[in-house]
Amino acid sequence: MPTMSSILKSVRVHMHFPEPQKQCSCHLNDPPPWTGEIHGLSQALLSETPIMKAFWWLVMVVCIMCGTVTTTLVILEYVDGPTATSTTIRLVRMFSVFIPGRPQ
């Protein structure tokens, strides 16, 4: 009686695989993945004219400055004084629940 391994050896499938590539040809001109981490970095590095490079570097500097100022203000406001949240609990006799599709 034939075994499973003998059946598999007799029915071999030969497949042709293309040569391995480091990168798909459709992605050869894509910017590196790390350039998407900072807004405008890929545009600044890949811009062709000096005016566009200057514009995108300016955008990045403004974004970094705004982020720094906002973070500083939040930290100063937190350190300035304690924050407290007050809640009021009210007891109700009946809690209304509306379920669509069911008569009330």
PDB file of N, CA and C in Angstrom:
ATOM      1  N   MET A   1       0.847  -1.173   0.000  1.00  0.00           N
ATOM      2  CA  MET A   1       0.000   0.000   0.000  1.00  0.00           C
ATOM      3  C   MET A   1       0.896   1.241   0.000  1.00  0.00           C
ATOM      4  N   PRO A   2       0.578   2.179  -0.863  1.00  0.00           N
ATOM      5  CA  PRO A   2       1.418   3.376  -0.939  1.00  0.00           C
ATOM      6  C   PRO A   2       1.222   4.259   0.297  1.00  0.00           C
ATOM      7  N   THR A   3       2.313   4.855   0.700  1.00  0.00           N
ATOM      8  CA  THR A   3       2.246   5.772   1.838  1.00  0.00           C
ATOM      9  C   THR A   3       2.091   7.200   1.318  1.00  0.00           C
ATOM     10  N   MET A   4       1.777   8.072   2.231  1.00  0.00           N
ATOM     11  CA  MET A   4       1.573   9.476   1.851  1.00  0.00           C
ATOM     12  C   MET A   4       2.865  10.084   1.317  1.00  0.00           C
ATOM     13  N   SER A   5       3.984   9.752   1.909  1.00  0.00           N
ATOM     14  CA  SER A   5       5.249  10.323   1.443  1.00  0.00           C
ATOM     15  C   SER A   5       5.615   9.809   0.056  1.00  0.00           C
ATOM     16  N   SER A   6       5.304   8.547  -0.248  1.00  0.00           N
ATOM     17  CA  SER A   6       5.601   8.042  -1.594  1.00  0.00           C
ATOM     18  C   SER A   6       4.699   8.686  -2.635  1.00  0.00           C
ATOM     19  N   ILE A   7       3.458   8.983  -2.270  1.00  0.00           N
ATOM     20  CA  ILE A   7       2.549   9.670  -3.202  1.00  0.00           C
ATOM     21  C   ILE A   7       3.051  11.085  -3.450  1.00  0.00           C
ATOM     22  N   LEU A   8       3.469  11.758  -2.395  1.00  0.00           N
ATOM     23  CA  LEU A   8       3.952  13.129  -2.552  1.00  0.00           C
ATOM     24  C   LEU A   8       5.234  13.183  -3.373  1.00  0.00           C
ATOM     25  N   LYS A   9       6.098  12.185  -3.237  1.00  0.00           N
ATOM     26  CA  LYS A   9       7.333  12.163  -4.020  1.00  0.00           C
ATOM     27  C   LYS A   9       7.053  11.943  -5.498  1.00  0.00           C
ATOM     28  N   SER A  10       6.028  11.157  -5.800  1.00  0.00           N
ATOM     29  CA  SER A  10       5.719  10.885  -7.207  1.00  0.00           C
ATOM     30  C   SER A  10       5.001  12.052  -7.874  1.00  0.00           C
ATOM     31  N   VAL A  11       4.322  12.873  -7.112  1.00  0.00           N
ATOM     32  CA  VAL A  11       3.578  14.003  -7.668  1.00  0.00           C
ATOM     33  C   VAL A  11       4.306  15.286  -7.272  1.00  0.00           C
ATOM     34  N   ARG A  12       5.398  15.565  -7.883  1.00  0.00           N
ATOM     35  CA  ARG A  12       6.154  16.781  -7.581  1.00  0.00           C
ATOM     36  C   ARG A  12       5.696  17.893  -8.510  1.00  0.00           C
ATOM     37  N   VAL A  13       5.579  19.040  -7.954  1.00  0.00           N
ATOM     38  CA  VAL A  13       5.197  20.213  -8.731  1.00  0.00           C
ATOM     39  C   VAL A  13       6.422  21.098  -8.845  1.00  0.00           C
ATOM     40  N   HIS A  14       6.776  21.424 -10.065  1.00  0.00           N
ATOM     41  CA  HIS A  14       7.913  22.308 -10.295  1.00  0.00           C
ATOM     42  C   HIS A  14       7.368  23.677 -10.668  1.00  0.00           C
ATOM     43  N   MET A  15       7.685  24.654  -9.837  1.00  0.00           N
ATOM     44  CA  MET A  15       7.206  26.009 -10.093  1.00  0.00           C
ATOM     45  C   MET A  15       8.390  26.907 -10.405  1.00  0.00           C
ATOM     46  N   HIS A  16       8.138  27.836 -11.293  1.00  0.00           N
ATOM     47  CA  HIS A  16       9.174  28.797 -11.647  1.00  0.00           C
ATOM     48  C   HIS A  16       8.899  30.090 -10.890  1.00  0.00           C
ATOM     49  N   PHE A  17       9.847  30.495 -10.094  1.00  0.00           N
ATOM     50  CA  PHE A  17       9.729  31.750  -9.368  1.00  0.00           C
ATOM     51  C   PHE A  17      10.673  32.766  -9.994  1.00  0.00           C
ATOM     52  N   PRO A  18      10.226  34.024 -10.120  1.00  0.00           N
ATOM     53  CA  PRO A  18      11.123  35.042 -10.671  1.00  0.00           C
ATOM     54  C   PRO A  18      12.284  35.298  -9.715  1.00  0.00           C
ATOM     55  N   GLU A  19      13.309  35.899 -10.251  1.00  0.00           N
ATOM     56  CA  GLU A  19      14.472  36.232  -9.429  1.00  0.00           C
ATOM     57  C   GLU A  19      14.048  37.193  -8.320  1.00  0.00           C
ATOM     58  N   PRO A  20      14.517  36.987  -7.114  1.00  0.00           N
ATOM     59  CA  PRO A  20      14.127  37.896  -6.024  1.00  0.00           C
ATOM     60  C   PRO A  20      14.698  39.292  -6.247  1.00  0.00           C
ATOM     61  N   GLN A  21      13.875  40.284  -5.910  1.00  0.00           N
ATOM     62  CA  GLN A  21      14.294  41.677  -6.022  1.00  0.00           C
ATOM     63  C   GLN A  21      14.338  42.272  -4.624  1.00  0.00           C
ATOM     64  N   LYS A  22      15.186  43.255  -4.472  1.00  0.00           N
ATOM     65  CA  LYS A  22      15.219  43.945  -3.187  1.00  0.00           C
ATOM     66  C   LYS A  22      13.986  44.829  -3.026  1.00  0.00           C
ATOM     67  N   GLN A  23      13.540  45.423  -4.131  1.00  0.00           N
ATOM     68  CA  GLN A  23      12.411  46.336  -4.063  1.00  0.00           C
ATOM     69  C   GLN A  23      11.622  46.229  -5.357  1.00  0.00           C
ATOM     70  N   CYS A  24      10.323  46.307  -5.251  1.00  0.00           N
ATOM     71  CA  CYS A  24       9.460  46.255  -6.428  1.00  0.00           C
ATOM     72  C   CYS A  24       9.764  47.455  -7.321  1.00  0.00           C
ATOM     73  N   SER A  25       9.743  47.237  -8.626  1.00  0.00           N
ATOM     74  CA  SER A  25      10.087  48.324  -9.550  1.00  0.00           C
ATOM     75  C   SER A  25       9.086  49.475  -9.480  1.00  0.00           C
ATOM     76  N   CYS A  26       7.863  49.207  -9.022  1.00  0.00           N
ATOM     77  CA  CYS A  26       6.871  50.285  -8.928  1.00  0.00           C
ATOM     78  C   CYS A  26       7.158  51.219  -7.750  1.00  0.00           C
ATOM     79  N   HIS A  27       8.024  50.805  -6.829  1.00  0.00           N
ATOM     80  CA  HIS A  27       8.334  51.630  -5.653  1.00  0.00           C
ATOM     81  C   HIS A  27       9.762  52.175  -5.671  1.00  0.00           C
ATOM     82  N   LEU A  28      10.417  52.138  -6.800  1.00  0.00           N
ATOM     83  CA  LEU A  28      11.811  52.585  -6.849  1.00  0.00           C
ATOM     84  C   LEU A  28      11.962  54.075  -6.559  1.00  0.00           C
ATOM     85  N   ASN A  29      10.973  54.879  -6.961  1.00  0.00           N
ATOM     86  CA  ASN A  29      11.083  56.330  -6.784  1.00  0.00           C
ATOM     87  C   ASN A  29      10.381  56.835  -5.525  1.00  0.00           C
ATOM     88  N   ASP A  30       9.889  55.940  -4.688  1.00  0.00           N
ATOM     89  CA  ASP A  30       9.232  56.358  -3.450  1.00  0.00           C
ATOM     90  C   ASP A  30      10.263  56.896  -2.463  1.00  0.00           C
ATOM     91  N   PRO A  31       9.866  57.888  -1.647  1.00  0.00           N
ATOM     92  CA  PRO A  31      10.792  58.373  -0.614  1.00  0.00           C
ATOM     93  C   PRO A  31      10.957  57.310   0.467  1.00  0.00           C
ATOM     94  N   PRO A  32      12.034  57.377   1.226  1.00  0.00           N
ATOM     95  CA  PRO A  32      12.238  56.403   2.308  1.00  0.00           C
ATOM     96  C   PRO A  32      11.099  56.470   3.327  1.00  0.00           C
ATOM     97  N   PRO A  33      10.776  55.361   3.981  1.00  0.00           N
ATOM     98  CA  PRO A  33       9.639  55.341   4.908  1.00  0.00           C
ATOM     99  C   PRO A  33       9.777  56.312   6.079  1.00  0.00           C
ATOM    100  N   TRP A  34      10.984  56.582   6.538  1.00  0.00           N
ATOM    101  CA  TRP A  34      11.158  57.456   7.696  1.00  0.00           C
ATOM    102  C   TRP A  34      10.843  58.908   7.379  1.00  0.00           C
ATOM    103  N   THR A  35      10.714  59.280   6.097  1.00  0.00           N
ATOM    104  CA  THR A  35      10.418  60.679   5.771  1.00  0.00           C
ATOM    105  C   THR A  35       8.970  61.038   6.062  1.00  0.00           C
ATOM    106  N   GLY A  36       8.110  60.065   6.297  1.00  0.00           N
ATOM    107  CA  GLY A  36       6.722  60.357   6.620  1.00  0.00           C
ATOM    108  C   GLY A  36       6.501  60.685   8.081  1.00  0.00           C
ATOM    109  N   GLU A  37       7.537  60.578   8.890  1.00  0.00           N
ATOM    110  CA  GLU A  37       7.395  60.827  10.320  1.00  0.00           C
ATOM    111  C   GLU A  37       7.268  62.312  10.638  1.00  0.00           C
ATOM    112  N   ILE A  38       7.919  63.159   9.894  1.00  0.00           N
ATOM    113  CA  ILE A  38       7.878  64.603  10.129  1.00  0.00           C
ATOM    114  C   ILE A  38       7.204  65.243   8.925  1.00  0.00           C
ATOM    115  N   HIS A  39       6.203  66.094   9.189  1.00  0.00           N
ATOM    116  CA  HIS A  39       5.448  66.728   8.117  1.00  0.00           C
ATOM    117  C   HIS A  39       6.363  67.568   7.227  1.00  0.00           C
ATOM    118  N   GLY A  40       6.401  67.266   5.953  1.00  0.00           N
ATOM    119  CA  GLY A  40       7.159  68.063   4.998  1.00  0.00           C
ATOM    120  C   GLY A  40       8.581  67.603   4.755  1.00  0.00           C
ATOM    121  N   LEU A  41       9.078  66.609   5.504  1.00  0.00           N
ATOM    122  CA  LEU A  41      10.472  66.199   5.341  1.00  0.00           C
ATOM    123  C   LEU A  41      10.720  65.591   3.967  1.00  0.00           C
ATOM    124  N   SER A  42       9.833  64.724   3.509  1.00  0.00           N
ATOM    125  CA  SER A  42      10.043  64.127   2.184  1.00  0.00           C
ATOM    126  C   SER A  42       9.945  65.187   1.100  1.00  0.00           C
ATOM    127  N   GLN A  43       9.024  66.148   1.258  1.00  0.00           N
ATOM    128  CA  GLN A  43       8.915  67.216   0.269  1.00  0.00           C
ATOM    129  C   GLN A  43      10.163  68.081   0.273  1.00  0.00           C
ATOM    130  N   ALA A  44      10.705  68.353   1.449  1.00  0.00           N
ATOM    131  CA  ALA A  44      11.905  69.190   1.531  1.00  0.00           C
ATOM    132  C   ALA A  44      13.105  68.490   0.914  1.00  0.00           C
ATOM    133  N   LEU A  45      13.223  67.192   1.131  1.00  0.00           N
ATOM    134  CA  LEU A  45      14.369  66.464   0.596  1.00  0.00           C
ATOM    135  C   LEU A  45      14.248  66.192  -0.898  1.00  0.00           C
ATOM    136  N   LEU A  46      13.016  66.037  -1.387  1.00  0.00           N
ATOM    137  CA  LEU A  46      12.825  65.662  -2.789  1.00  0.00           C
ATOM    138  C   LEU A  46      12.430  66.828  -3.688  1.00  0.00           C
ATOM    139  N   SER A  47      12.305  68.029  -3.135  1.00  0.00           N
ATOM    140  CA  SER A  47      11.948  69.186  -3.965  1.00  0.00           C
ATOM    141  C   SER A  47      13.069  69.486  -4.948  1.00  0.00           C
ATOM    142  N   GLU A  48      12.668  69.926  -6.129  1.00  0.00           N
ATOM    143  CA  GLU A  48      13.667  70.170  -7.169  1.00  0.00           C
ATOM    144  C   GLU A  48      14.153  71.614  -7.204  1.00  0.00           C
ATOM    145  N   THR A  49      13.316  72.552  -6.783  1.00  0.00           N
ATOM    146  CA  THR A  49      13.726  73.958  -6.832  1.00  0.00           C
ATOM    147  C   THR A  49      14.104  74.438  -5.432  1.00  0.00           C
ATOM    148  N   PRO A  50      15.045  75.370  -5.336  1.00  0.00           N
ATOM    149  CA  PRO A  50      15.441  75.901  -4.021  1.00  0.00           C
ATOM    150  C   PRO A  50      14.293  76.604  -3.300  1.00  0.00           C
ATOM    151  N   ILE A  51      13.387  77.218  -4.052  1.00  0.00           N
ATOM    152  CA  ILE A  51      12.258  77.915  -3.423  1.00  0.00           C
ATOM    153  C   ILE A  51      11.351  76.911  -2.707  1.00  0.00           C
ATOM    154  N   MET A  52      11.077  75.783  -3.359  1.00  0.00           N
ATOM    155  CA  MET A  52      10.231  74.764  -2.737  1.00  0.00           C
ATOM    156  C   MET A  52      10.930  74.114  -1.540  1.00  0.00           C
ATOM    157  N   LYS A  53      12.242  73.907  -1.658  1.00  0.00           N
ATOM    158  CA  LYS A  53      12.994  73.364  -0.515  1.00  0.00           C
ATOM    159  C   LYS A  53      12.893  74.316   0.675  1.00  0.00           C
ATOM    160  N   ALA A  54      13.099  75.609   0.422  1.00  0.00           N
ATOM    161  CA  ALA A  54      13.024  76.607   1.492  1.00  0.00           C
ATOM    162  C   ALA A  54      11.618  76.644   2.100  1.00  0.00           C
ATOM    163  N   PHE A  55      10.594  76.555   1.250  1.00  0.00           N
ATOM    164  CA  PHE A  55       9.214  76.567   1.737  1.00  0.00           C
ATOM    165  C   PHE A  55       8.962  75.394   2.687  1.00  0.00           C
ATOM    166  N   TRP A  56       9.353  74.185   2.288  1.00  0.00           N
ATOM    167  CA  TRP A  56       9.080  73.010   3.115  1.00  0.00           C
ATOM    168  C   TRP A  56       9.922  73.005   4.384  1.00  0.00           C
ATOM    169  N   TRP A  57      11.155  73.517   4.325  1.00  0.00           N
ATOM    170  CA  TRP A  57      11.945  73.628   5.557  1.00  0.00           C
ATOM    171  C   TRP A  57      11.300  74.638   6.497  1.00  0.00           C
ATOM    172  N   LEU A  58      10.744  75.724   5.937  1.00  0.00           N
ATOM    173  CA  LEU A  58      10.043  76.718   6.750  1.00  0.00           C
ATOM    174  C   LEU A  58       8.798  76.098   7.398  1.00  0.00           C
ATOM    175  N   VAL A  59       8.056  75.298   6.633  1.00  0.00           N
ATOM    176  CA  VAL A  59       6.874  74.622   7.182  1.00  0.00           C
ATOM    177  C   VAL A  59       7.275  73.735   8.356  1.00  0.00           C
ATOM    178  N   MET A  60       8.358  72.992   8.198  1.00  0.00           N
ATOM    179  CA  MET A  60       8.797  72.109   9.287  1.00  0.00           C
ATOM    180  C   MET A  60       9.220  72.899  10.521  1.00  0.00           C
ATOM    181  N   VAL A  61       9.953  73.988  10.331  1.00  0.00           N
ATOM    182  CA  VAL A  61      10.403  74.807  11.461  1.00  0.00           C
ATOM    183  C   VAL A  61       9.202  75.406  12.186  1.00  0.00           C
ATOM    184  N   VAL A  62       8.219  75.912  11.429  1.00  0.00           N
ATOM    185  CA  VAL A  62       7.026  76.496  12.047  1.00  0.00           C
ATOM    186  C   VAL A  62       6.257  75.431  12.828  1.00  0.00           C
ATOM    187  N   CYS A  63       6.108  74.234  12.252  1.00  0.00           N
ATOM    188  CA  CYS A  63       5.396  73.154  12.955  1.00  0.00           C
ATOM    189  C   CYS A  63       6.119  72.751  14.237  1.00  0.00           C
ATOM    190  N   ILE A  64       7.427  72.656  14.185  1.00  0.00           N
ATOM    191  CA  ILE A  64       8.195  72.289  15.382  1.00  0.00           C
ATOM    192  C   ILE A  64       8.078  73.376  16.444  1.00  0.00           C
ATOM    193  N   MET A  65       8.135  74.642  16.016  1.00  0.00           N
ATOM    194  CA  MET A  65       8.009  75.746  16.974  1.00  0.00           C
ATOM    195  C   MET A  65       6.619  75.759  17.611  1.00  0.00           C
ATOM    196  N   CYS A  66       5.575  75.585  16.803  1.00  0.00           N
ATOM    197  CA  CYS A  66       4.208  75.572  17.349  1.00  0.00           C
ATOM    198  C   CYS A  66       4.020  74.408  18.320  1.00  0.00           C
ATOM    199  N   GLY A  67       4.547  73.253  17.979  1.00  0.00           N
ATOM    200  CA  GLY A  67       4.454  72.103  18.877  1.00  0.00           C
ATOM    201  C   GLY A  67       5.191  72.328  20.179  1.00  0.00           C
ATOM    202  N   THR A  68       6.361  72.956  20.092  1.00  0.00           N
ATOM    203  CA  THR A  68       7.143  73.243  21.295  1.00  0.00           C
ATOM    204  C   THR A  68       6.419  74.241  22.193  1.00  0.00           C
ATOM    205  N   VAL A  69       5.883  75.299  21.593  1.00  0.00           N
ATOM    206  CA  VAL A  69       5.162  76.316  22.375  1.00  0.00           C
ATOM    207  C   VAL A  69       3.928  75.706  23.028  1.00  0.00           C
ATOM    208  N   THR A  70       3.171  74.923  22.282  1.00  0.00           N
ATOM    209  CA  THR A  70       1.960  74.309  22.831  1.00  0.00           C
ATOM    210  C   THR A  70       2.298  73.359  23.980  1.00  0.00           C
ATOM    211  N   THR A  71       3.314  72.543  23.791  1.00  0.00           N
ATOM    212  CA  THR A  71       3.717  71.612  24.847  1.00  0.00           C
ATOM    213  C   THR A  71       4.173  72.363  26.091  1.00  0.00           C
ATOM    214  N   THR A  72       4.946  73.428  25.903  1.00  0.00           N
ATOM    215  CA  THR A  72       5.416  74.232  27.033  1.00  0.00           C
ATOM    216  C   THR A  72       4.246  74.858  27.780  1.00  0.00           C
ATOM    217  N   LEU A  73       3.271  75.405  27.047  1.00  0.00           N
ATOM    218  CA  LEU A  73       2.114  76.026  27.695  1.00  0.00           C
ATOM    219  C   LEU A  73       1.295  75.003  28.479  1.00  0.00           C
ATOM    220  N   VAL A  74       1.132  73.824  27.933  1.00  0.00           N
ATOM    221  CA  VAL A  74       0.375  72.787  28.645  1.00  0.00           C
ATOM    222  C   VAL A  74       1.101  72.375  29.918  1.00  0.00           C
ATOM    223  N   ILE A  75       2.409  72.205  29.838  1.00  0.00           N
ATOM    224  CA  ILE A  75       3.180  71.820  31.026  1.00  0.00           C
ATOM    225  C   ILE A  75       3.137  72.926  32.074  1.00  0.00           C
ATOM    226  N   LEU A  76       3.291  74.182  31.650  1.00  0.00           N
ATOM    227  CA  LEU A  76       3.236  75.301  32.603  1.00  0.00           C
ATOM    228  C   LEU A  76       1.868  75.401  33.262  1.00  0.00           C
ATOM    229  N   GLU A  77       0.808  75.202  32.500  1.00  0.00           N
ATOM    230  CA  GLU A  77      -0.538  75.258  33.070  1.00  0.00           C
ATOM    231  C   GLU A  77      -0.746  74.122  34.072  1.00  0.00           C
ATOM    232  N   TYR A  78      -0.189  72.971  33.776  1.00  0.00           N
ATOM    233  CA  TYR A  78      -0.311  71.837  34.696  1.00  0.00           C
ATOM    234  C   TYR A  78       0.463  72.088  35.991  1.00  0.00           C
ATOM    235  N   VAL A  79       1.664  72.633  35.861  1.00  0.00           N
ATOM    236  CA  VAL A  79       2.502  72.878  37.036  1.00  0.00           C
ATOM    237  C   VAL A  79       1.961  74.045  37.858  1.00  0.00           C
ATOM    238  N   ASP A  80       1.309  75.004  37.200  1.00  0.00           N
ATOM    239  CA  ASP A  80       0.796  76.201  37.870  1.00  0.00           C
ATOM    240  C   ASP A  80      -0.164  75.891  39.011  1.00  0.00           C
ATOM    241  N   GLY A  81      -1.052  74.998  38.809  1.00  0.00           N
ATOM    242  CA  GLY A  81      -2.032  74.746  39.858  1.00  0.00           C
ATOM    243  C   GLY A  81      -2.653  73.380  39.703  1.00  0.00           C
ATOM    244  N   PRO A  82      -3.269  72.930  40.773  1.00  0.00           N
ATOM    245  CA  PRO A  82      -3.893  71.610  40.724  1.00  0.00           C
ATOM    246  C   PRO A  82      -5.138  71.625  39.831  1.00  0.00           C
ATOM    247  N   THR A  83      -5.398  70.520  39.276  1.00  0.00           N
ATOM    248  CA  THR A  83      -6.614  70.381  38.477  1.00  0.00           C
ATOM    249  C   THR A  83      -7.561  69.469  39.240  1.00  0.00           C
ATOM    250  N   ALA A  84      -8.828  69.784  39.181  1.00  0.00           N
ATOM    251  CA  ALA A  84      -9.820  68.979  39.886  1.00  0.00           C
ATOM    252  C   ALA A  84     -11.038  68.809  38.996  1.00  0.00           C
ATOM    253  N   THR A  85     -11.649  67.686  39.121  1.00  0.00           N
ATOM    254  CA  THR A  85     -12.875  67.412  38.381  1.00  0.00           C
ATOM    255  C   THR A  85     -13.961  67.119  39.398  1.00  0.00           C
ATOM    256  N   SER A  86     -15.070  67.815  39.280  1.00  0.00           N
ATOM    257  CA  SER A  86     -16.168  67.547  40.203  1.00  0.00           C
ATOM    258  C   SER A  86     -17.292  66.853  39.443  1.00  0.00           C
ATOM    259  N   THR A  87     -17.884  65.888  40.095  1.00  0.00           N
ATOM    260  CA  THR A  87     -19.011  65.182  39.497  1.00  0.00           C
ATOM    261  C   THR A  87     -20.168  65.195  40.474  1.00  0.00           C
ATOM    262  N   THR A  88     -21.350  65.180  39.940  1.00  0.00           N
ATOM    263  CA  THR A  88     -22.550  65.140  40.760  1.00  0.00           C
ATOM    264  C   THR A  88     -23.297  63.856  40.429  1.00  0.00           C
ATOM    265  N   ILE A  89     -23.638  63.107  41.446  1.00  0.00           N
ATOM    266  CA  ILE A  89     -24.375  61.862  41.248  1.00  0.00           C
ATOM    267  C   ILE A  89     -25.821  62.112  41.639  1.00  0.00           C
ATOM    268  N   ARG A  90     -26.718  61.825  40.721  1.00  0.00           N
ATOM    269  CA  ARG A  90     -28.149  61.993  40.982  1.00  0.00           C
ATOM    270  C   ARG A  90     -28.822  60.639  40.824  1.00  0.00           C
ATOM    271  N   LEU A  91     -29.620  60.281  41.791  1.00  0.00           N
ATOM    272  CA  LEU A  91     -30.351  59.023  41.722  1.00  0.00           C
ATOM    273  C   LEU A  91     -31.676  59.251  41.007  1.00  0.00           C
ATOM    274  N   VAL A  92     -32.022  58.368  40.111  1.00  0.00           N
ATOM    275  CA  VAL A  92     -33.295  58.452  39.394  1.00  0.00           C
ATOM    276  C   VAL A  92     -34.068  57.163  39.639  1.00  0.00           C
ATOM    277  N   ARG A  93     -35.411  57.278  39.572  1.00  0.00           N
ATOM    278  CA  ARG A  93     -36.243  56.100  39.802  1.00  0.00           C
ATOM    279  C   ARG A  93     -36.242  55.172  38.592  1.00  0.00           C
ATOM    280  N   MET A  94     -36.237  55.762  37.413  1.00  0.00           N
ATOM    281  CA  MET A  94     -36.361  54.942  36.217  1.00  0.00           C
ATOM    282  C   MET A  94     -35.378  55.439  35.173  1.00  0.00           C
ATOM    283  N   PHE A  95     -34.751  54.504  34.543  1.00  0.00           N
ATOM    284  CA  PHE A  95     -33.771  54.833  33.513  1.00  0.00           C
ATOM    285  C   PHE A  95     -34.381  54.503  32.157  1.00  0.00           C
ATOM    286  N   SER A  96     -34.517  55.496  31.302  1.00  0.00           N
ATOM    287  CA  SER A  96     -35.144  55.285  29.996  1.00  0.00           C
ATOM    288  C   SER A  96     -34.110  54.817  28.987  1.00  0.00           C
ATOM    289  N   VAL A  97     -34.429  53.732  28.335  1.00  0.00           N
ATOM    290  CA  VAL A  97     -33.560  53.204  27.290  1.00  0.00           C
ATOM    291  C   VAL A  97     -34.379  53.130  26.016  1.00  0.00           C
ATOM    292  N   PHE A  98     -33.880  53.709  24.971  1.00  0.00           N
ATOM    293  CA  PHE A  98     -34.570  53.676  23.689  1.00  0.00           C
ATOM    294  C   PHE A  98     -33.865  52.678  22.790  1.00  0.00           C
ATOM    295  N   ILE A  99     -34.592  51.646  22.386  1.00  0.00           N
ATOM    296  CA  ILE A  99     -34.042  50.637  21.493  1.00  0.00           C
ATOM    297  C   ILE A  99     -34.756  50.776  20.159  1.00  0.00           C
ATOM    298  N   PRO A 100     -34.036  51.085  19.097  1.00  0.00           N
ATOM    299  CA  PRO A 100     -34.681  51.230  17.792  1.00  0.00           C
ATOM    300  C   PRO A 100     -35.306  49.906  17.346  1.00  0.00           C
ATOM    301  N   GLY A 101     -36.490  50.004  16.776  1.00  0.00           N
ATOM    302  CA  GLY A 101     -37.159  48.813  16.253  1.00  0.00           C
ATOM    303  C   GLY A 101     -38.039  48.103  17.259  1.00  0.00           C
ATOM    304  N   ARG A 102     -38.026  48.530  18.511  1.00  0.00           N
ATOM    305  CA  ARG A 102     -38.884  47.909  19.523  1.00  0.00           C
ATOM    306  C   ARG A 102     -39.863  48.950  20.035  1.00  0.00           C
ATOM    307  N   PRO A 103     -41.140  48.584  20.119  1.00  0.00           N
ATOM    308  CA  PRO A 103     -42.108  49.560  20.645  1.00  0.00           C
ATOM    309  C   PRO A 103     -41.856  49.840  22.122  1.00  0.00           C
ATOM    310  N   GLN A 104     -42.099  51.071  22.507  1.00  0.00           N
ATOM    311  CA  GLN A 104     -41.846  51.480  23.896  1.00  0.00           C
ATOM    312  C   GLN A 104     -43.086  51.310  24.740  1.00  0.00           C
TER     313      GLN A 104
END
